[in-house]
Amino acid sequence: MEPRTIGTRVFDFDREVAVMAVINRTPDSFYDKGSTFALDRAVTASLRAVDDGADWVDVGGVPFGRGPVVTAHEEIERVVPVVEAIAAATGVVISVDTYNAEVARRSIAAGASVINDTSGLWDDAMLGVIAHSDATLVLTHSIGPPRSAPPSPQYADVVESVIAFLRDRVERAIAAGVPLERLVVDPGHDLNKNTLHSLELTRRLEEIVAIGPPTLVAVSNKDFVGETLDREQGKRLEGSLAAAVVCIMKGARIVRMHDVPATVAAVRMTETILGFRDPAYLKHNI
């Protein structure tokens, strides 16, 4: 895979894994319960993530799950000031987690270099916005309207279904003028999937990776981790790190995680085991 320029960064995903930090500017996030909803707290958390080693900051203004309606105007008011503040302070890659094309357009203008669309291109205008920019687009497997009651997911083979869906979205994006080198795929762990589906995706992730674009995984604190380990929200760090490391071993090159310091340590250790980087120093038995 050729090195990729994303924002001000160049990533060699043949030998590098990017750590994406999650910043939720929402009052009802499943993980942080609104602790970074205030603008100053969202910006502080973003810059702390960069100091902790994050390569990438993902800002979201609307949770994926059900909840109160958030208008496009409200979403823009939530995410754009955060993007502007991060861009003014650091050269970290900034992505915005949105399925709304107008929010994407305003976010790119503010300094975001990635749109993380977890809806699977629900907004027909999204591809036009990306095509007329330099932004990278994350294509995620997700079925059903955003923020709707999740269906009981049924798949003959979840991996084959996800592959077919993502290949279709890649083809649509290219046909709309978005270059392949500006696409990332995400199998969408837990999005319209039960725990057995998410475990199967993790077990067979190399089949997703074979689609071609870099693969992003968002496994942090997901329900499949909680149900596997019988751990409530907030007590899933070890399971999340284990899932992320397995995904990296199977070819994932971007990991979207909540606990940045622990993730950076796990990722850098995994990179070194894989021969992507050298140890920080050598003293033992030398």
Protein backbone atom coordinates (compact mmCIF):
# COMPACT_ATOMS: atom_id res chain seq x y z
CA MET A 1 0.00 0.00 0.00
CA GLU A 2 1.39 3.40 -0.97
CA PRO A 3 1.92 5.94 1.84
CA ARG A 4 -1.15 8.12 2.38
CA THR A 5 -1.30 11.81 3.07
CA ILE A 6 -4.15 12.61 5.44
CA GLY A 7 -4.27 16.21 6.55
CA THR A 8 -0.71 17.18 7.43
CA ARG A 9 0.35 13.60 8.17
CA VAL A 10 1.79 10.87 5.96
CA PHE A 11 0.97 7.31 7.01
CA ASP A 12 2.71 4.19 5.77
CA PHE A 13 0.03 1.65 6.64
CA ASP A 14 2.30 -1.20 5.57
CA ARG A 15 4.36 -0.44 8.68
CA GLU A 16 2.23 1.80 10.87
CA VAL A 17 -0.99 1.78 12.89
CA ALA A 18 -2.82 5.03 13.61
CA VAL A 19 -4.46 5.56 16.99
CA MET A 20 -7.71 7.51 16.65
CA ALA A 21 -8.97 9.17 19.85
CA VAL A 22 -12.72 9.55 20.41
CA ILE A 23 -14.01 12.99 21.41
CA ASN A 24 -17.76 13.16 21.97
CA ARG A 25 -19.29 16.62 22.12
CA THR A 26 -22.64 15.19 23.11
CA PRO A 27 -24.60 15.24 26.37
CA ASP A 28 -25.62 11.57 26.01
CA SER A 29 -22.59 9.61 24.86
CA PHE A 30 -22.74 5.95 25.91
CA TYR A 31 -19.15 6.11 27.16
CA ASP A 32 -18.38 9.48 28.74
CA LYS A 33 -21.94 10.51 29.66
CA GLY A 34 -21.42 14.07 28.49
CA SER A 35 -18.14 14.76 30.28
CA THR A 36 -16.73 16.46 27.15
CA PHE A 37 -19.92 18.18 26.02
CA ALA A 38 -18.73 21.65 27.07
CA LEU A 39 -16.59 23.25 24.37
CA ASP A 40 -13.58 23.89 26.59
CA ARG A 41 -13.65 20.31 27.89
CA ALA A 42 -13.90 18.89 24.38
CA VAL A 43 -10.93 20.94 23.21
CA THR A 44 -8.89 20.12 26.33
CA ALA A 45 -9.63 16.39 25.92
CA SER A 46 -8.61 16.56 22.26
CA LEU A 47 -5.27 18.23 22.97
CA ARG A 48 -4.63 15.86 25.88
CA ALA A 49 -5.19 12.93 23.51
CA VAL A 50 -2.57 14.40 21.17
CA ASP A 51 -0.12 14.79 24.07
CA ASP A 52 -0.85 11.16 25.00
CA GLY A 53 0.21 10.00 21.54
CA ALA A 54 -2.94 9.96 19.43
CA ASP A 55 -2.31 10.29 15.70
CA TRP A 56 -5.88 11.21 14.96
CA VAL A 57 -8.81 12.85 16.79
CA ASP A 58 -12.39 11.93 15.89
CA VAL A 59 -14.98 14.53 16.93
CA GLY A 60 -18.64 13.57 17.10
CA GLY A 61 -21.71 15.69 17.80
CA VAL A 62 -24.45 13.06 17.52
CA PRO A 63 -24.40 9.58 19.12
CA PHE A 64 -25.03 6.63 16.82
CA GLY A 65 -27.85 5.22 18.94
CA ARG A 66 -31.34 6.45 19.58
CA GLY A 67 -31.90 9.73 21.39
CA PRO A 68 -33.25 13.28 21.06
CA VAL A 69 -33.26 14.81 17.58
CA VAL A 70 -30.14 16.86 16.82
CA THR A 71 -30.56 19.25 13.89
CA ALA A 72 -27.77 19.86 11.38
CA HIS A 73 -27.42 23.39 12.80
CA GLU A 74 -26.99 22.03 16.33
CA GLU A 75 -24.50 19.43 15.15
CA ILE A 76 -22.46 22.09 13.34
CA GLU A 77 -22.48 24.27 16.47
CA ARG A 78 -21.16 21.34 18.44
CA VAL A 79 -18.36 20.07 16.19
CA VAL A 80 -17.07 22.99 14.12
CA PRO A 81 -15.69 25.07 17.05
CA VAL A 82 -13.86 21.98 18.32
CA VAL A 83 -12.37 21.31 14.89
CA GLU A 84 -11.26 24.93 14.56
CA ALA A 85 -9.60 24.91 17.99
CA ILE A 86 -7.75 21.63 17.37
CA ALA A 87 -6.60 22.74 13.91
CA ALA A 88 -5.27 26.00 15.35
CA ALA A 89 -3.28 24.23 18.05
CA THR A 90 -1.85 21.11 16.41
CA GLY A 91 -1.27 19.28 13.14
CA VAL A 92 -3.02 16.10 14.29
CA VAL A 93 -5.41 14.44 11.85
CA ILE A 94 -8.95 15.61 12.60
CA SER A 95 -12.00 13.62 11.59
CA VAL A 96 -15.66 14.34 12.18
CA ASP A 97 -18.09 11.52 12.89
CA THR A 98 -21.19 12.54 10.94
CA TYR A 99 -23.65 11.20 8.39
CA ASN A 100 -24.87 14.68 7.39
CA ALA A 101 -23.34 16.12 4.21
CA GLU A 102 -23.73 19.74 5.27
CA VAL A 103 -22.05 19.05 8.61
CA ALA A 104 -19.26 17.34 6.67
CA ARG A 105 -18.86 20.33 4.36
CA ARG A 106 -18.66 22.81 7.24
CA SER A 107 -16.28 20.54 9.17
CA ILE A 108 -13.89 20.23 6.23
CA ALA A 109 -13.91 24.00 5.80
CA ALA A 110 -13.03 24.32 9.50
CA GLY A 111 -10.01 22.04 9.24
CA ALA A 112 -11.19 18.42 9.32
CA SER A 113 -9.36 16.17 6.86
CA VAL A 114 -11.53 13.07 7.35
CA ILE A 115 -15.26 12.42 7.47
CA ASN A 116 -16.12 9.30 9.45
CA ASP A 117 -19.57 8.38 8.11
CA THR A 118 -20.87 5.57 10.32
CA SER A 119 -24.19 5.45 8.44
CA GLY A 120 -22.90 3.78 5.29
CA LEU A 121 -23.66 6.83 3.08
CA TRP A 122 -27.21 7.50 4.24
CA ASP A 123 -27.05 11.11 2.97
CA ASP A 124 -27.03 11.05 -0.84
CA ALA A 125 -25.13 14.36 -0.90
CA MET A 126 -22.17 13.06 1.12
CA LEU A 127 -20.14 11.76 -1.82
CA GLY A 128 -20.43 15.07 -3.66
CA VAL A 129 -19.09 16.95 -0.64
CA ILE A 130 -16.13 14.60 -0.33
CA ALA A 131 -15.43 14.55 -4.08
CA HIS A 132 -15.18 18.36 -4.13
CA SER A 133 -12.69 18.41 -1.25
CA ASP A 134 -9.36 16.84 -0.33
CA ALA A 135 -10.89 14.92 2.57
CA THR A 136 -10.65 11.21 3.24
CA LEU A 137 -13.92 9.30 3.74
CA VAL A 138 -14.49 6.39 6.11
CA LEU A 139 -17.07 3.98 4.68
CA THR A 140 -18.76 1.96 7.42
CA HIS A 141 -21.07 -1.04 7.27
CA SER A 142 -24.34 0.04 8.81
CA ILE A 143 -27.94 -0.73 7.83
CA GLY A 144 -31.14 1.13 8.64
CA PRO A 145 -31.73 4.84 9.17
CA PRO A 146 -29.32 6.63 11.52
CA ARG A 147 -30.53 6.92 15.13
CA SER A 148 -33.39 4.50 14.49
CA ALA A 149 -34.40 1.49 16.56
CA PRO A 150 -31.90 -1.20 15.58
CA PRO A 151 -33.34 -4.21 13.76
CA SER A 152 -32.68 -7.72 14.97
CA PRO A 153 -29.75 -8.41 12.64
CA GLN A 154 -29.91 -11.50 10.46
CA TYR A 155 -27.04 -12.54 8.20
CA ALA A 156 -26.41 -15.80 6.36
CA ASP A 157 -22.72 -14.92 6.67
CA VAL A 158 -22.00 -11.61 8.36
CA VAL A 159 -18.50 -11.27 6.89
CA GLU A 160 -19.68 -11.88 3.33
CA SER A 161 -22.54 -9.39 3.82
CA VAL A 162 -20.18 -6.72 5.18
CA ILE A 163 -17.71 -7.28 2.34
CA ALA A 164 -20.44 -6.96 -0.30
CA PHE A 165 -21.77 -3.79 1.33
CA LEU A 166 -18.35 -2.14 1.62
CA ARG A 167 -17.34 -3.05 -1.92
CA ASP A 168 -20.56 -1.46 -3.15
CA ARG A 169 -19.84 1.71 -1.17
CA VAL A 170 -16.26 1.85 -2.47
CA GLU A 171 -17.54 1.53 -6.05
CA ARG A 172 -20.13 4.27 -5.45
CA ALA A 173 -17.50 6.59 -4.01
CA ILE A 174 -15.11 6.08 -6.91
CA ALA A 175 -17.92 6.59 -9.44
CA ALA A 176 -18.76 9.88 -7.68
CA GLY A 177 -15.19 11.13 -8.06
CA VAL A 178 -13.63 10.19 -4.72
CA PRO A 179 -10.21 8.60 -5.41
CA LEU A 180 -9.53 5.17 -3.96
CA GLU A 181 -6.56 6.62 -2.08
CA ARG A 182 -8.96 8.77 -0.06
CA LEU A 183 -11.13 5.88 1.16
CA VAL A 184 -11.02 3.89 4.40
CA VAL A 185 -13.32 0.98 5.29
CA ASP A 186 -14.80 0.05 8.66
CA PRO A 187 -16.75 -3.20 9.22
CA GLY A 188 -18.84 -1.49 11.89
CA HIS A 189 -18.47 -3.66 14.97
CA ASP A 190 -21.79 -3.76 16.88
CA LEU A 191 -23.55 -1.49 14.34
CA ASN A 192 -26.68 -3.51 13.47
CA LYS A 193 -24.80 -6.61 14.64
CA ASN A 194 -25.00 -8.79 17.72
CA THR A 195 -22.05 -10.01 19.76
CA LEU A 196 -21.60 -13.20 17.75
CA HIS A 197 -21.49 -11.14 14.55
CA SER A 198 -18.87 -8.75 15.94
CA LEU A 199 -16.74 -11.63 17.19
CA GLU A 200 -16.92 -13.28 13.75
CA LEU A 201 -15.88 -10.03 12.06
CA THR A 202 -12.90 -9.81 14.38
CA ARG A 203 -11.97 -13.45 13.83
CA ARG A 204 -12.08 -13.06 10.04
CA LEU A 205 -11.00 -9.44 9.72
CA GLU A 206 -8.35 -10.26 7.12
CA GLU A 207 -11.23 -10.84 4.67
CA ILE A 208 -12.37 -7.24 5.21
CA VAL A 209 -8.79 -5.99 4.86
CA ALA A 210 -8.58 -7.72 1.48
CA ILE A 211 -11.10 -5.21 0.06
CA GLY A 212 -8.11 -2.89 -0.37
CA PRO A 213 -8.40 0.47 1.43
CA PRO A 214 -6.99 0.78 4.95
CA THR A 215 -9.27 -0.83 7.52
CA LEU A 216 -10.43 1.09 10.58
CA VAL A 217 -11.88 -0.74 13.58
CA ALA A 218 -13.95 0.81 16.34
CA VAL A 219 -13.99 -1.83 19.07
CA SER A 220 -13.50 0.31 22.15
CA ASN A 221 -15.99 -0.36 24.97
CA LYS A 222 -18.44 -1.96 22.57
CA ASP A 223 -21.21 -4.23 23.81
CA PHE A 224 -19.62 -7.28 22.22
CA VAL A 225 -16.70 -6.79 24.59
CA GLY A 226 -19.02 -6.32 27.57
CA GLU A 227 -21.15 -9.35 26.75
CA THR A 228 -18.10 -11.53 26.10
CA LEU A 229 -16.47 -10.68 29.43
CA ASP A 230 -19.57 -9.83 31.50
CA ARG A 231 -18.24 -6.31 32.01
CA GLU A 232 -20.39 -3.23 32.35
CA GLN A 233 -19.60 0.02 30.54
CA GLY A 234 -16.43 1.62 31.90
CA LYS A 235 -14.83 -1.73 32.79
CA ARG A 236 -14.02 -2.98 29.30
CA LEU A 237 -10.52 -1.62 28.72
CA GLU A 238 -8.65 -4.94 28.74
CA GLY A 239 -11.14 -6.57 26.40
CA SER A 240 -11.11 -3.56 24.10
CA LEU A 241 -7.31 -3.63 23.88
CA ALA A 242 -7.30 -7.37 23.21
CA ALA A 243 -9.82 -6.92 20.39
CA ALA A 244 -7.81 -4.03 18.93
CA VAL A 245 -4.56 -6.03 18.98
CA VAL A 246 -6.20 -9.02 17.28
CA CYS A 247 -7.57 -6.68 14.61
CA ILE A 248 -4.11 -5.17 14.05
CA MET A 249 -2.59 -8.64 13.73
CA LYS A 250 -5.20 -9.37 11.06
CA GLY A 251 -4.47 -6.17 9.14
CA ALA A 252 -6.39 -3.24 10.70
CA ARG A 253 -4.35 -0.06 10.46
CA ILE A 254 -6.53 2.50 12.28
CA VAL A 255 -7.98 1.82 15.73
CA ARG A 256 -10.65 4.11 17.17
CA MET A 257 -10.33 4.00 20.96
CA HIS A 258 -11.34 5.87 24.10
CA ASP A 259 -8.35 5.28 26.41
CA VAL A 260 -5.47 6.82 24.47
CA PRO A 261 -2.43 6.14 26.71
CA ALA A 262 -3.26 2.45 27.12
CA THR A 263 -4.04 2.10 23.42
CA VAL A 264 -0.84 3.82 22.31
CA ALA A 265 1.22 1.45 24.47
CA ALA A 266 -0.62 -1.62 23.14
CA VAL A 267 -0.37 -0.45 19.54
CA ARG A 268 3.32 0.45 19.71
CA MET A 269 4.09 -2.91 21.34
CA THR A 270 2.15 -4.70 18.59
CA GLU A 271 3.93 -2.70 15.88
CA THR A 272 7.30 -3.67 17.36
CA ILE A 273 6.38 -7.36 17.58
CA LEU A 274 5.37 -7.20 13.92
CA GLY A 275 8.74 -5.63 13.05
CA PHE A 276 7.28 -2.26 12.07
CA ARG A 277 9.41 -0.30 14.56
CA ASP A 278 12.44 -0.75 16.81
CA PRO A 279 12.30 -0.93 20.61
CA ALA A 280 12.70 2.41 22.36
CA TYR A 281 16.03 1.19 23.76
CA LEU A 282 18.06 -1.98 24.29
CA LYS A 283 19.75 -2.74 27.63
CA HIS A 284 18.55 -6.17 28.80
CA ASN A 285 21.30 -8.80 28.27
CA ILE A 286 23.13 -6.55 25.82
